[in-house]
């Protein structure tokens, strides 16, 4: 993984932090660990309801005070709201080029596929180095690929002017 300076980690957000106003950001992986008991696995019945600060949690969904969905819990955490950061300290609205820069050997590992109409999902294949395992994050951007899937330099070029509209941290998904 590319070296990270302290300045590269987000310590505040332009968004209001959901669930805990006194916190500057929420860390997606920690949020998942805190709420894993509420996760709804694919095909399973919804779990019990609960609270996470000022947020409601039910059926594997986290909603803020206004009823806006900020995250889904399954075998990972899908983030749709701001002020929740990934392992690189990036949040919704981040430049996709910053995501690329945060991953080692991105040109060899980046893969992007269509994610419904007018959206694209990108991720980094495991480098195969047991000492370099990164959290498996998937990033969604607006825009349609010129073909069903691209990787390497064409994927990096596609992401050059895009911004993250949601991301998923895969905690124990395959």
C-alpha atoms as a PDB file:
ATOM      1  CA  UNK A   1       0.000   0.000   0.000  1.00  0.00           C
ATOM      2  CA  UNK A   2       1.176   3.514  -0.727  1.00  0.00           C
ATOM      3  CA  UNK A   3       2.641   5.284   2.299  1.00  0.00           C
ATOM      4  CA  UNK A   4       0.188   7.482   4.168  1.00  0.00           C
ATOM      5  CA  UNK A   5       1.099  10.679   5.896  1.00  0.00           C
ATOM      6  CA  UNK A   6      -0.965  11.850   8.842  1.00  0.00           C
ATOM      7  CA  UNK A   7      -2.228  14.667   6.630  1.00  0.00           C
ATOM      8  CA  UNK A   8      -3.695  12.141   4.183  1.00  0.00           C
ATOM      9  CA  UNK A   9      -6.115  10.779   6.793  1.00  0.00           C
ATOM     10  CA  UNK A  10      -9.417  12.654   7.099  1.00  0.00           C
ATOM     11  CA  UNK A  11      -9.882  14.209  10.517  1.00  0.00           C
ATOM     12  CA  UNK A  12     -12.989  16.178   9.640  1.00  0.00           C
ATOM     13  CA  UNK A  13     -15.709  16.235   7.027  1.00  0.00           C
ATOM     14  CA  UNK A  14     -17.631  18.798   5.050  1.00  0.00           C
ATOM     15  CA  UNK A  15     -20.752  16.779   5.922  1.00  0.00           C
ATOM     16  CA  UNK A  16     -22.526  16.697   9.255  1.00  0.00           C
ATOM     17  CA  UNK A  17     -21.491  13.488  10.976  1.00  0.00           C
ATOM     18  CA  UNK A  18     -24.466  11.118  11.201  1.00  0.00           C
ATOM     19  CA  UNK A  19     -25.279   9.405  14.491  1.00  0.00           C
ATOM     20  CA  UNK A  20     -22.665  11.222  16.605  1.00  0.00           C
ATOM     21  CA  UNK A  21     -22.541  14.994  16.060  1.00  0.00           C
ATOM     22  CA  UNK A  22     -19.596  15.361  18.441  1.00  0.00           C
ATOM     23  CA  UNK A  23     -17.373  13.187  16.232  1.00  0.00           C
ATOM     24  CA  UNK A  24     -15.667  14.674  13.206  1.00  0.00           C
ATOM     25  CA  UNK A  25     -15.941  11.464  11.153  1.00  0.00           C
ATOM     26  CA  UNK A  26     -17.035   7.874  11.621  1.00  0.00           C
ATOM     27  CA  UNK A  27     -14.697   5.105  10.478  1.00  0.00           C
ATOM     28  CA  UNK A  28     -16.595   2.588   8.335  1.00  0.00           C
ATOM     29  CA  UNK A  29     -14.746  -0.484   9.646  1.00  0.00           C
ATOM     30  CA  UNK A  30     -15.316   0.507  13.277  1.00  0.00           C
ATOM     31  CA  UNK A  31     -18.939   1.358  12.563  1.00  0.00           C
ATOM     32  CA  UNK A  32     -19.386  -2.140  11.127  1.00  0.00           C
ATOM     33  CA  UNK A  33     -17.756  -3.768  14.164  1.00  0.00           C
ATOM     34  CA  UNK A  34     -20.027  -1.731  16.449  1.00  0.00           C
ATOM     35  CA  UNK A  35     -23.138  -2.746  14.489  1.00  0.00           C
ATOM     36  CA  UNK A  36     -22.330  -6.231  13.192  1.00  0.00           C
ATOM     37  CA  UNK A  37     -25.078  -7.759  15.357  1.00  0.00           C
ATOM     38  CA  UNK A  38     -27.618  -5.765  13.295  1.00  0.00           C
ATOM     39  CA  UNK A  39     -26.297  -6.921   9.924  1.00  0.00           C
ATOM     40  CA  UNK A  40     -28.775  -8.651   7.645  1.00  0.00           C
ATOM     41  CA  UNK A  41     -27.130 -11.325   5.571  1.00  0.00           C
ATOM     42  CA  UNK A  42     -28.426 -11.815   2.058  1.00  0.00           C
ATOM     43  CA  UNK A  43     -31.636 -13.860   2.166  1.00  0.00           C
ATOM     44  CA  UNK A  44     -31.985 -13.761   5.958  1.00  0.00           C
ATOM     45  CA  UNK A  45     -34.833 -12.239   7.928  1.00  0.00           C
ATOM     46  CA  UNK A  46     -34.177  -8.742   9.308  1.00  0.00           C
ATOM     47  CA  UNK A  47     -32.429  -8.509  12.657  1.00  0.00           C
ATOM     48  CA  UNK A  48     -33.532  -6.651  15.771  1.00  0.00           C
ATOM     49  CA  UNK A  49     -33.815  -2.866  15.849  1.00  0.00           C
ATOM     50  CA  UNK A  50     -31.505  -0.620  17.837  1.00  0.00           C
ATOM     51  CA  UNK A  51     -29.799   2.754  18.116  1.00  0.00           C
ATOM     52  CA  UNK A  52     -26.338   3.974  17.180  1.00  0.00           C
ATOM     53  CA  UNK A  53     -26.059   7.379  18.736  1.00  0.00           C
ATOM     54  CA  UNK A  54     -28.887   9.401  17.195  1.00  0.00           C
ATOM     55  CA  UNK A  55     -29.271   6.952  14.274  1.00  0.00           C
ATOM     56  CA  UNK A  56     -31.841   4.184  14.032  1.00  0.00           C
ATOM     57  CA  UNK A  57     -30.699   0.700  13.050  1.00  0.00           C
ATOM     58  CA  UNK A  58     -33.107  -1.898  11.729  1.00  0.00           C
ATOM     59  CA  UNK A  59     -33.274  -4.508   9.007  1.00  0.00           C
ATOM     60  CA  UNK A  60     -29.582  -4.018   8.346  1.00  0.00           C
ATOM     61  CA  UNK A  61     -30.073  -0.307   7.560  1.00  0.00           C
ATOM     62  CA  UNK A  62     -28.707   2.722   9.451  1.00  0.00           C
ATOM     63  CA  UNK A  63     -30.751   5.925   9.109  1.00  0.00           C
ATOM     64  CA  UNK A  64     -29.974   9.386  10.447  1.00  0.00           C
ATOM     65  CA  UNK A  65     -32.291  11.654  12.467  1.00  0.00           C
ATOM     66  CA  UNK A  66     -33.972  12.822   9.270  1.00  0.00           C
ATOM     67  CA  UNK A  67     -34.679   9.269   8.096  1.00  0.00           C
ATOM     68  CA  UNK A  68     -31.960   9.345   5.422  1.00  0.00           C
ATOM     69  CA  UNK A  69     -30.209   6.048   4.794  1.00  0.00           C
ATOM     70  CA  UNK A  70     -26.502   6.420   5.566  1.00  0.00           C
ATOM     71  CA  UNK A  71     -25.359   2.775   5.546  1.00  0.00           C
ATOM     72  CA  UNK A  72     -26.404  -0.838   4.988  1.00  0.00           C
ATOM     73  CA  UNK A  73     -24.977  -3.702   7.030  1.00  0.00           C
ATOM     74  CA  UNK A  74     -24.434  -7.161   5.551  1.00  0.00           C
ATOM     75  CA  UNK A  75     -21.107  -9.040   5.282  1.00  0.00           C
ATOM     76  CA  UNK A  76     -19.628  -5.557   5.143  1.00  0.00           C
ATOM     77  CA  UNK A  77     -20.857  -1.992   5.247  1.00  0.00           C
ATOM     78  CA  UNK A  78     -22.230  -0.086   2.271  1.00  0.00           C
ATOM     79  CA  UNK A  79     -21.847   3.648   2.881  1.00  0.00           C
ATOM     80  CA  UNK A  80     -24.144   6.162   1.199  1.00  0.00           C
ATOM     81  CA  UNK A  81     -23.756   9.122   3.579  1.00  0.00           C
ATOM     82  CA  UNK A  82     -20.959  11.578   4.130  1.00  0.00           C
ATOM     83  CA  UNK A  83     -18.624  11.844   7.126  1.00  0.00           C
ATOM     84  CA  UNK A  84     -18.079   8.064   7.151  1.00  0.00           C
ATOM     85  CA  UNK A  85     -14.557   7.267   5.946  1.00  0.00           C
ATOM     86  CA  UNK A  86     -12.884   4.226   4.406  1.00  0.00           C
ATOM     87  CA  UNK A  87      -9.462   2.762   5.267  1.00  0.00           C
ATOM     88  CA  UNK A  88      -7.808   5.598   3.317  1.00  0.00           C
ATOM     89  CA  UNK A  89      -9.718   8.318   5.177  1.00  0.00           C
ATOM     90  CA  UNK A  90     -11.867   9.067   2.108  1.00  0.00           C
ATOM     91  CA  UNK A  91     -15.617   9.645   2.100  1.00  0.00           C
ATOM     92  CA  UNK A  92     -18.521  10.155  -0.280  1.00  0.00           C
ATOM     93  CA  UNK A  93     -17.588  12.970  -2.645  1.00  0.00           C
ATOM     94  CA  UNK A  94     -13.876  12.083  -2.664  1.00  0.00           C
ATOM     95  CA  UNK A  95     -12.084  12.252  -5.988  1.00  0.00           C
ATOM     96  CA  UNK A  96     -11.805   8.787  -7.496  1.00  0.00           C
ATOM     97  CA  UNK A  97      -8.245   9.678  -8.469  1.00  0.00           C
ATOM     98  CA  UNK A  98      -7.443   9.915  -4.724  1.00  0.00           C
ATOM     99  CA  UNK A  99      -8.801   6.391  -4.296  1.00  0.00           C
ATOM    100  CA  UNK A 100      -6.499   5.180  -7.090  1.00  0.00           C
ATOM    101  CA  UNK A 101      -3.481   6.960  -5.558  1.00  0.00           C
ATOM    102  CA  UNK A 102      -4.147   5.283  -2.205  1.00  0.00           C
ATOM    103  CA  UNK A 103      -3.737   1.751  -3.547  1.00  0.00           C
ATOM    104  CA  UNK A 104      -0.420   0.090  -4.320  1.00  0.00           C
ATOM    105  CA  UNK A 105       0.085  -1.114  -7.897  1.00  0.00           C
ATOM    106  CA  UNK A 106      -3.320   0.293  -8.892  1.00  0.00           C
ATOM    107  CA  UNK A 107      -2.685  -0.065 -12.624  1.00  0.00           C
ATOM    108  CA  UNK A 108      -2.217  -3.821 -12.219  1.00  0.00           C
ATOM    109  CA  UNK A 109      -5.074  -4.306  -9.744  1.00  0.00           C
ATOM    110  CA  UNK A 110      -7.926  -1.911 -10.606  1.00  0.00           C
ATOM    111  CA  UNK A 111     -11.087  -3.399 -12.142  1.00  0.00           C
ATOM    112  CA  UNK A 112     -14.306  -1.532 -12.993  1.00  0.00           C
ATOM    113  CA  UNK A 113     -17.681  -2.930 -14.108  1.00  0.00           C
ATOM    114  CA  UNK A 114     -21.112  -1.487 -14.776  1.00  0.00           C
ATOM    115  CA  UNK A 115     -23.231  -1.124 -11.636  1.00  0.00           C
ATOM    116  CA  UNK A 116     -26.710  -0.604 -13.020  1.00  0.00           C
ATOM    117  CA  UNK A 117     -27.580   2.255 -15.310  1.00  0.00           C
ATOM    118  CA  UNK A 118     -25.146   5.160 -15.367  1.00  0.00           C
ATOM    119  CA  UNK A 119     -23.055   3.916 -12.437  1.00  0.00           C
ATOM    120  CA  UNK A 120     -19.765   2.043 -12.276  1.00  0.00           C
ATOM    121  CA  UNK A 121     -18.285  -0.079  -9.445  1.00  0.00           C
ATOM    122  CA  UNK A 122     -14.503  -0.318  -9.090  1.00  0.00           C
ATOM    123  CA  UNK A 123     -12.248  -2.338  -6.794  1.00  0.00           C
ATOM    124  CA  UNK A 124      -8.674  -3.509  -6.469  1.00  0.00           C
ATOM    125  CA  UNK A 125      -7.900  -7.193  -6.867  1.00  0.00           C
ATOM    126  CA  UNK A 126      -5.911  -8.744  -4.050  1.00  0.00           C
ATOM    127  CA  UNK A 127      -2.214  -8.268  -4.787  1.00  0.00           C
ATOM    128  CA  UNK A 128      -1.543 -11.864  -3.743  1.00  0.00           C
ATOM    129  CA  UNK A 129       1.005 -10.704  -1.188  1.00  0.00           C
ATOM    130  CA  UNK A 130      -0.029 -12.092   2.203  1.00  0.00           C
ATOM    131  CA  UNK A 131       1.685  -9.192   3.959  1.00  0.00           C
ATOM    132  CA  UNK A 132      -0.170  -6.575   1.913  1.00  0.00           C
ATOM    133  CA  UNK A 133      -3.838  -7.506   2.412  1.00  0.00           C
ATOM    134  CA  UNK A 134      -5.959  -4.399   2.222  1.00  0.00           C
ATOM    135  CA  UNK A 135      -9.592  -4.131   3.205  1.00  0.00           C
ATOM    136  CA  UNK A 136     -11.687  -5.077   0.216  1.00  0.00           C
ATOM    137  CA  UNK A 137     -13.315  -1.783  -0.660  1.00  0.00           C
ATOM    138  CA  UNK A 138     -15.580  -1.226  -3.651  1.00  0.00           C
ATOM    139  CA  UNK A 139     -16.224   2.310  -4.904  1.00  0.00           C
ATOM    140  CA  UNK A 140     -19.192   3.470  -6.963  1.00  0.00           C
ATOM    141  CA  UNK A 141     -19.046   6.500  -9.261  1.00  0.00           C
ATOM    142  CA  UNK A 142     -21.551   8.072 -11.635  1.00  0.00           C
ATOM    143  CA  UNK A 143     -20.925   7.355 -15.296  1.00  0.00           C
ATOM    144  CA  UNK A 144     -21.153   4.478 -17.723  1.00  0.00           C
ATOM    145  CA  UNK A 145     -18.150   2.556 -18.978  1.00  0.00           C
ATOM    146  CA  UNK A 146     -17.582   2.320 -22.747  1.00  0.00           C
ATOM    147  CA  UNK A 147     -17.690  -1.491 -22.380  1.00  0.00           C
ATOM    148  CA  UNK A 148     -18.980  -3.909 -19.681  1.00  0.00           C
ATOM    149  CA  UNK A 149     -15.664  -4.017 -17.800  1.00  0.00           C
ATOM    150  CA  UNK A 150     -12.266  -2.309 -17.912  1.00  0.00           C
ATOM    151  CA  UNK A 151      -9.090  -2.699 -15.902  1.00  0.00           C
ATOM    152  CA  UNK A 152      -5.672  -1.123 -15.524  1.00  0.00           C
ATOM    153  CA  UNK A 153      -4.868   2.113 -17.365  1.00  0.00           C
ATOM    154  CA  UNK A 154      -8.304   2.395 -19.074  1.00  0.00           C
ATOM    155  CA  UNK A 155     -10.009   2.109 -15.655  1.00  0.00           C
ATOM    156  CA  UNK A 156      -7.705   4.760 -14.187  1.00  0.00           C
ATOM    157  CA  UNK A 157      -8.454   7.064 -17.132  1.00  0.00           C
ATOM    158  CA  UNK A 158     -12.207   6.509 -16.679  1.00  0.00           C
ATOM    159  CA  UNK A 159     -11.988   7.510 -12.995  1.00  0.00           C
ATOM    160  CA  UNK A 160      -9.859  10.621 -13.611  1.00  0.00           C
ATOM    161  CA  UNK A 161     -12.744  13.118 -13.344  1.00  0.00           C
ATOM    162  CA  UNK A 162     -15.163  11.087 -11.188  1.00  0.00           C
ATOM    163  CA  UNK A 163     -16.178  11.345  -7.535  1.00  0.00           C
ATOM    164  CA  UNK A 164     -17.201   8.569  -5.146  1.00  0.00           C
ATOM    165  CA  UNK A 165     -20.990   8.389  -4.658  1.00  0.00           C
ATOM    166  CA  UNK A 166     -20.936   5.320  -2.377  1.00  0.00           C
ATOM    167  CA  UNK A 167     -18.486   2.707  -1.170  1.00  0.00           C
ATOM    168  CA  UNK A 168     -18.573  -0.716   0.438  1.00  0.00           C
ATOM    169  CA  UNK A 169     -16.060  -2.073   2.921  1.00  0.00           C
ATOM    170  CA  UNK A 170     -16.230  -5.848   2.625  1.00  0.00           C
ATOM    171  CA  UNK A 171     -15.460  -7.171   6.082  1.00  0.00           C
ATOM    172  CA  UNK A 172     -15.731 -10.922   5.560  1.00  0.00           C
ATOM    173  CA  UNK A 173     -17.443 -11.227   2.168  1.00  0.00           C
ATOM    174  CA  UNK A 174     -15.740 -13.276  -0.512  1.00  0.00           C
END
